[in-house]
C-alpha atoms as a PDB file:
ATOM      1  CA  MET A   1       0.000   0.000   0.000  1.00  0.00           C
ATOM      2  CA  ASN A   2       1.239   3.494  -0.862  1.00  0.00           C
ATOM      3  CA  ASP A   3       2.058   5.941   1.906  1.00  0.00           C
ATOM      4  CA  LEU A   4      -0.345   8.851   2.343  1.00  0.00           C
ATOM      5  CA  PHE A   5       1.094  12.095   0.971  1.00  0.00           C
ATOM      6  CA  TYR A   6      -0.082  15.222   2.801  1.00  0.00           C
ATOM      7  CA  ILE A   7      -0.209  18.567   1.021  1.00  0.00           C
ATOM      8  CA  LEU A   8      -0.195  21.287   3.635  1.00  0.00           C
ATOM      9  CA  ASP A   9      -1.793  24.716   3.596  1.00  0.00           C
ATOM     10  CA  ALA A  10      -0.646  27.428   6.025  1.00  0.00           C
ATOM     11  CA  SER A  11      -3.678  26.683   8.213  1.00  0.00           C
ATOM     12  CA  ALA A  12      -2.260  23.213   8.904  1.00  0.00           C
ATOM     13  CA  PHE A  13       0.860  24.744  10.465  1.00  0.00           C
ATOM     14  CA  ILE A  14      -0.972  27.591  12.182  1.00  0.00           C
ATOM     15  CA  ASN A  15      -3.503  25.214  13.735  1.00  0.00           C
ATOM     16  CA  GLY A  16      -1.041  22.674  15.092  1.00  0.00           C
ATOM     17  CA  PHE A  17      -0.453  19.922  12.512  1.00  0.00           C
ATOM     18  CA  GLU A  18       2.719  18.036  13.405  1.00  0.00           C
ATOM     19  CA  PRO A  19       4.150  15.921  10.588  1.00  0.00           C
ATOM     20  CA  LYS A  20       4.924  12.354  11.638  1.00  0.00           C
ATOM     21  CA  SER A  21       6.360  11.051   8.337  1.00  0.00           C
ATOM     22  CA  GLN A  22       8.474  12.465   5.533  1.00  0.00           C
ATOM     23  CA  PHE A  23       5.560  12.521   3.058  1.00  0.00           C
ATOM     24  CA  ASN A  24       4.463  16.114   3.640  1.00  0.00           C
ATOM     25  CA  PHE A  25       4.564  18.742   0.921  1.00  0.00           C
ATOM     26  CA  THR A  26       3.894  22.442   0.549  1.00  0.00           C
ATOM     27  CA  VAL A  27       4.885  25.284  -1.777  1.00  0.00           C
ATOM     28  CA  SER A  28       7.300  28.085  -0.911  1.00  0.00           C
ATOM     29  CA  GLU A  29       4.582  30.769  -0.833  1.00  0.00           C
ATOM     30  CA  ILE A  30       2.773  28.926   1.960  1.00  0.00           C
ATOM     31  CA  THR A  31       5.829  29.214   4.205  1.00  0.00           C
ATOM     32  CA  ASP A  32       5.553  33.008   3.800  1.00  0.00           C
ATOM     33  CA  GLU A  33       1.958  32.907   5.084  1.00  0.00           C
ATOM     34  CA  VAL A  34       2.997  31.370   8.413  1.00  0.00           C
ATOM     35  CA  LYS A  35       3.705  34.424  10.541  1.00  0.00           C
ATOM     36  CA  ASP A  36       3.209  33.622  14.232  1.00  0.00           C
ATOM     37  CA  LEU A  37       6.453  32.727  15.970  1.00  0.00           C
ATOM     38  CA  LYS A  38       5.490  29.308  17.364  1.00  0.00           C
ATOM     39  CA  SER A  39       4.113  28.040  14.037  1.00  0.00           C
ATOM     40  CA  LYS A  40       7.084  29.465  12.113  1.00  0.00           C
ATOM     41  CA  ILE A  41       9.562  27.716  14.449  1.00  0.00           C
ATOM     42  CA  LEU A  42       7.724  24.377  14.111  1.00  0.00           C
ATOM     43  CA  LEU A  43       7.529  24.763  10.324  1.00  0.00           C
ATOM     44  CA  ASP A  44      11.219  25.643   9.968  1.00  0.00           C
ATOM     45  CA  GLN A  45      12.201  22.739  12.224  1.00  0.00           C
ATOM     46  CA  ALA A  46      10.078  20.275  10.207  1.00  0.00           C
ATOM     47  CA  ILE A  47      11.683  21.510   6.975  1.00  0.00           C
ATOM     48  CA  GLU A  48      15.182  21.153   8.458  1.00  0.00           C
ATOM     49  CA  GLU A  49      14.367  17.614   9.645  1.00  0.00           C
ATOM     50  CA  GLY A  50      13.103  16.654   6.187  1.00  0.00           C
ATOM     51  CA  LYS A  51       9.536  16.108   7.391  1.00  0.00           C
ATOM     52  CA  ILE A  52       8.201  18.780   5.024  1.00  0.00           C
ATOM     53  CA  ILE A  53       9.313  19.052   1.416  1.00  0.00           C
ATOM     54  CA  ILE A  54       8.980  22.346  -0.420  1.00  0.00           C
ATOM     55  CA  LYS A  55       7.943  21.470  -3.978  1.00  0.00           C
ATOM     56  CA  GLU A  56       6.690  23.666  -6.785  1.00  0.00           C
ATOM     57  CA  PRO A  57       4.014  22.388  -9.197  1.00  0.00           C
ATOM     58  CA  LYS A  58       4.799  21.829 -12.846  1.00  0.00           C
ATOM     59  CA  GLU A  59       3.548  24.532 -15.199  1.00  0.00           C
ATOM     60  CA  GLU A  60       1.081  22.157 -16.893  1.00  0.00           C
ATOM     61  CA  PHE A  61      -0.765  21.696 -13.577  1.00  0.00           C
ATOM     62  CA  ILE A  62      -0.864  25.443 -12.923  1.00  0.00           C
ATOM     63  CA  LYS A  63      -2.515  25.888 -16.334  1.00  0.00           C
ATOM     64  CA  GLU A  64      -4.946  23.026 -15.680  1.00  0.00           C
ATOM     65  CA  LEU A  65      -5.899  24.478 -12.309  1.00  0.00           C
ATOM     66  CA  ASN A  66      -6.404  27.971 -13.760  1.00  0.00           C
ATOM     67  CA  GLU A  67      -8.857  26.570 -16.308  1.00  0.00           C
ATOM     68  CA  ILE A  68     -10.809  24.784 -13.568  1.00  0.00           C
ATOM     69  CA  ILE A  69     -11.025  27.755 -11.200  1.00  0.00           C
ATOM     70  CA  SER A  70     -11.948  30.214 -13.933  1.00  0.00           C
ATOM     71  CA  LYS A  71     -15.027  28.071 -14.662  1.00  0.00           C
ATOM     72  CA  SER A  72     -16.023  27.734 -10.993  1.00  0.00           C
ATOM     73  CA  GLY A  73     -15.347  31.381 -10.139  1.00  0.00           C
ATOM     74  CA  ASP A  74     -12.907  30.388  -7.406  1.00  0.00           C
ATOM     75  CA  ASP A  75     -10.198  32.409  -9.142  1.00  0.00           C
ATOM     76  CA  LEU A  76     -11.920  35.405  -7.516  1.00  0.00           C
ATOM     77  CA  ARG A  77     -11.164  34.083  -4.020  1.00  0.00           C
ATOM     78  CA  LEU A  78      -7.822  32.257  -4.145  1.00  0.00           C
ATOM     79  CA  SER A  79      -4.379  33.737  -3.506  1.00  0.00           C
ATOM     80  CA  GLU A  80      -1.385  32.810  -5.650  1.00  0.00           C
ATOM     81  CA  ALA A  81      -0.149  30.622  -2.777  1.00  0.00           C
ATOM     82  CA  ASP A  82      -3.513  28.811  -2.705  1.00  0.00           C
ATOM     83  CA  LYS A  83      -3.439  28.301  -6.478  1.00  0.00           C
ATOM     84  CA  ASN A  84       0.094  26.909  -6.403  1.00  0.00           C
ATOM     85  CA  LEU A  85      -0.780  24.547  -3.569  1.00  0.00           C
ATOM     86  CA  LEU A  86      -3.824  23.275  -5.473  1.00  0.00           C
ATOM     87  CA  ALA A  87      -1.704  22.850  -8.618  1.00  0.00           C
ATOM     88  CA  LEU A  88       0.795  20.882  -6.517  1.00  0.00           C
ATOM     89  CA  ALA A  89      -2.072  18.654  -5.367  1.00  0.00           C
ATOM     90  CA  LEU A  90      -2.939  17.948  -9.030  1.00  0.00           C
ATOM     91  CA  ASP A  91       0.730  17.295  -9.774  1.00  0.00           C
ATOM     92  CA  LEU A  92       1.211  14.874  -6.862  1.00  0.00           C
ATOM     93  CA  LYS A  93      -2.082  13.136  -7.639  1.00  0.00           C
ATOM     94  CA  CYS A  94      -0.587  12.132 -10.989  1.00  0.00           C
ATOM     95  CA  GLU A  95       2.495  10.737  -9.235  1.00  0.00           C
ATOM     96  CA  ASN A  96       0.727   9.085  -6.296  1.00  0.00           C
ATOM     97  CA  GLU A  97      -3.003   8.521  -5.951  1.00  0.00           C
ATOM     98  CA  ASN A  98      -2.878   8.408  -2.152  1.00  0.00           C
ATOM     99  CA  ILE A  99      -2.871  12.120  -1.277  1.00  0.00           C
ATOM    100  CA  LYS A 100      -4.768  14.369   1.083  1.00  0.00           C
ATOM    101  CA  VAL A 101      -4.730  18.152   1.405  1.00  0.00           C
ATOM    102  CA  LEU A 102      -4.927  19.679   4.875  1.00  0.00           C
ATOM    103  CA  THR A 103      -6.645  23.083   4.791  1.00  0.00           C
ATOM    104  CA  ASP A 104      -9.306  25.054   6.615  1.00  0.00           C
ATOM    105  CA  ASP A 105      -9.766  27.356   3.604  1.00  0.00           C
ATOM    106  CA  TYR A 106     -13.302  26.879   2.244  1.00  0.00           C
ATOM    107  CA  SER A 107     -12.437  28.124  -1.250  1.00  0.00           C
ATOM    108  CA  MET A 108      -9.612  25.608  -1.481  1.00  0.00           C
ATOM    109  CA  GLN A 109     -11.927  22.855  -0.215  1.00  0.00           C
ATOM    110  CA  ASN A 110     -14.432  23.828  -2.903  1.00  0.00           C
ATOM    111  CA  VAL A 111     -11.824  23.373  -5.638  1.00  0.00           C
ATOM    112  CA  LEU A 112     -10.607  20.125  -4.076  1.00  0.00           C
ATOM    113  CA  LYS A 113     -14.181  18.771  -4.233  1.00  0.00           C
ATOM    114  CA  ILE A 114     -14.399  19.780  -7.893  1.00  0.00           C
ATOM    115  CA  ILE A 115     -11.110  18.046  -8.800  1.00  0.00           C
ATOM    116  CA  ASP A 116     -11.897  15.072  -6.559  1.00  0.00           C
ATOM    117  CA  ILE A 117      -8.884  15.277  -4.260  1.00  0.00           C
ATOM    118  CA  PRO A 118      -9.475  14.321  -0.610  1.00  0.00           C
ATOM    119  CA  TYR A 119      -8.957  16.942   2.080  1.00  0.00           C
ATOM    120  CA  ASP A 120      -9.282  17.344   5.821  1.00  0.00           C
ATOM    121  CA  SER A 121      -9.808  20.409   7.947  1.00  0.00           C
ATOM    122  CA  ILE A 122      -7.722  21.021  11.014  1.00  0.00           C
ATOM    123  CA  ILE A 123     -10.120  23.076  13.174  1.00  0.00           C
ATOM    124  CA  THR A 124     -13.201  23.739  11.018  1.00  0.00           C
ATOM    125  CA  GLU A 125     -15.998  21.444   9.947  1.00  0.00           C
ATOM    126  CA  GLY A 126     -15.310  21.950   6.242  1.00  0.00           C
ATOM    127  CA  ILE A 127     -17.683  22.543   3.348  1.00  0.00           C
ATOM    128  CA  LYS A 128     -20.648  20.333   2.479  1.00  0.00           C
ATOM    129  CA  GLY A 129     -21.239  21.095  -1.201  1.00  0.00           C
ATOM    130  CA  ILE A 130     -19.623  22.586  -4.292  1.00  0.00           C
ATOM    131  CA  TYR A 131     -20.107  26.290  -4.926  1.00  0.00           C
ATOM    132  CA  ASN A 132     -19.427  28.637  -7.812  1.00  0.00           C
ATOM    133  CA  TRP A 133     -18.867  32.368  -7.483  1.00  0.00           C
ATOM    134  CA  VAL A 134     -20.229  35.111  -9.675  1.00  0.00           C
ATOM    135  CA  LYS A 135     -19.789  38.884  -9.611  1.00  0.00           C
ATOM    136  CA  THR A 136     -23.237  40.441  -9.065  1.00  0.00           C
ATOM    137  CA  CYS A 137     -24.524  43.995  -8.785  1.00  0.00           C
ATOM    138  CA  GLU A 138     -26.010  44.780  -5.391  1.00  0.00           C
ATOM    139  CA  GLY A 139     -28.637  47.070  -6.973  1.00  0.00           C
ATOM    140  CA  CYS A 140     -29.873  45.759 -10.314  1.00  0.00           C
ATOM    141  CA  LYS A 141     -28.585  42.176  -9.773  1.00  0.00           C
ATOM    142  CA  LYS A 142     -26.758  42.085 -13.134  1.00  0.00           C
ATOM    143  CA  GLU A 143     -24.167  39.311 -13.237  1.00  0.00           C
ATOM    144  CA  PHE A 144     -20.707  40.053 -14.597  1.00  0.00           C
ATOM    145  CA  ASP A 145     -17.858  37.899 -15.902  1.00  0.00           C
ATOM    146  CA  ALA A 146     -15.046  37.117 -13.452  1.00  0.00           C
ATOM    147  CA  ASP A 147     -12.744  39.540 -15.284  1.00  0.00           C
ATOM    148  CA  TYR A 148     -15.148  42.518 -14.903  1.00  0.00           C
ATOM    149  CA  PRO A 149     -12.621  45.137 -13.770  1.00  0.00           C
ATOM    150  CA  PHE A 150     -14.777  47.544 -11.746  1.00  0.00           C
ATOM    151  CA  ASP A 151     -16.106  47.576  -8.182  1.00  0.00           C
ATOM    152  CA  ASP A 152     -19.245  49.430  -9.287  1.00  0.00           C
ATOM    153  CA  CYS A 153     -21.978  48.386 -11.729  1.00  0.00           C
ATOM    154  CA  GLU A 154     -21.721  49.949 -15.186  1.00  0.00           C
ATOM    155  CA  ILE A 155     -25.527  50.057 -15.377  1.00  0.00           C
ATOM    156  CA  CYS A 156     -26.739  51.444 -12.038  1.00  0.00           C
ATOM    157  CA  GLY A 157     -23.540  52.364 -10.173  1.00  0.00           C
ATOM    158  CA  SER A 158     -24.185  50.061  -7.202  1.00  0.00           C
ATOM    159  CA  LYS A 159     -21.448  47.983  -5.601  1.00  0.00           C
ATOM    160  CA  VAL A 160     -20.472  44.707  -7.321  1.00  0.00           C
ATOM    161  CA  PHE A 161     -19.848  41.794  -4.969  1.00  0.00           C
ATOM    162  CA  LYS A 162     -18.949  38.101  -5.235  1.00  0.00           C
ATOM    163  CA  ARG A 163     -22.015  35.922  -4.741  1.00  0.00           C
ATOM    164  CA  ARG A 164     -21.878  32.240  -3.947  1.00  0.00           C
ATOM    165  CA  ILE A 165     -24.001  29.846  -6.020  1.00  0.00           C
ATOM    166  CA  LYS A 166     -24.396  26.247  -4.863  1.00  0.00           C
ATOM    167  CA  THR A 167     -23.914  23.834  -7.753  1.00  0.00           C
ATOM    168  CA  TYR A 168     -24.042  20.527  -5.899  1.00  0.00           C
END
């Protein structure tokens, strides 16, 4: 049986995950998101001991992920670090089918459900369904494409916000 590969978001470190094996991966940007002293010390120590491997996703998986999240609208809610971690999950899934992402980030969990990669939360319950996001005018309710560049509606001038739509 293959060992379980963990892909770790910053929330895993911040909320107390302690790696027990050497099959733990993250991307370099995630290490920058860990700011509190205790978590940073534990993270740095785990990296030094070889219990966490910093690995960057291949470009093909970044492109694949960007196509997926542009369709779901999650590109509106994910940081570059989140996107790279999700692309790494796709990359490692191709190498080893026995992976799990540890994150409390609901947007990341949404994408993980879409791409059918298992995940666990550290301190939250996690999401129940799959959601898409759409930019919507607060006033006239017009929906805009994800790349709509303005914060205000071009029709009525009201604020444009990101609205969640349950798809499953």
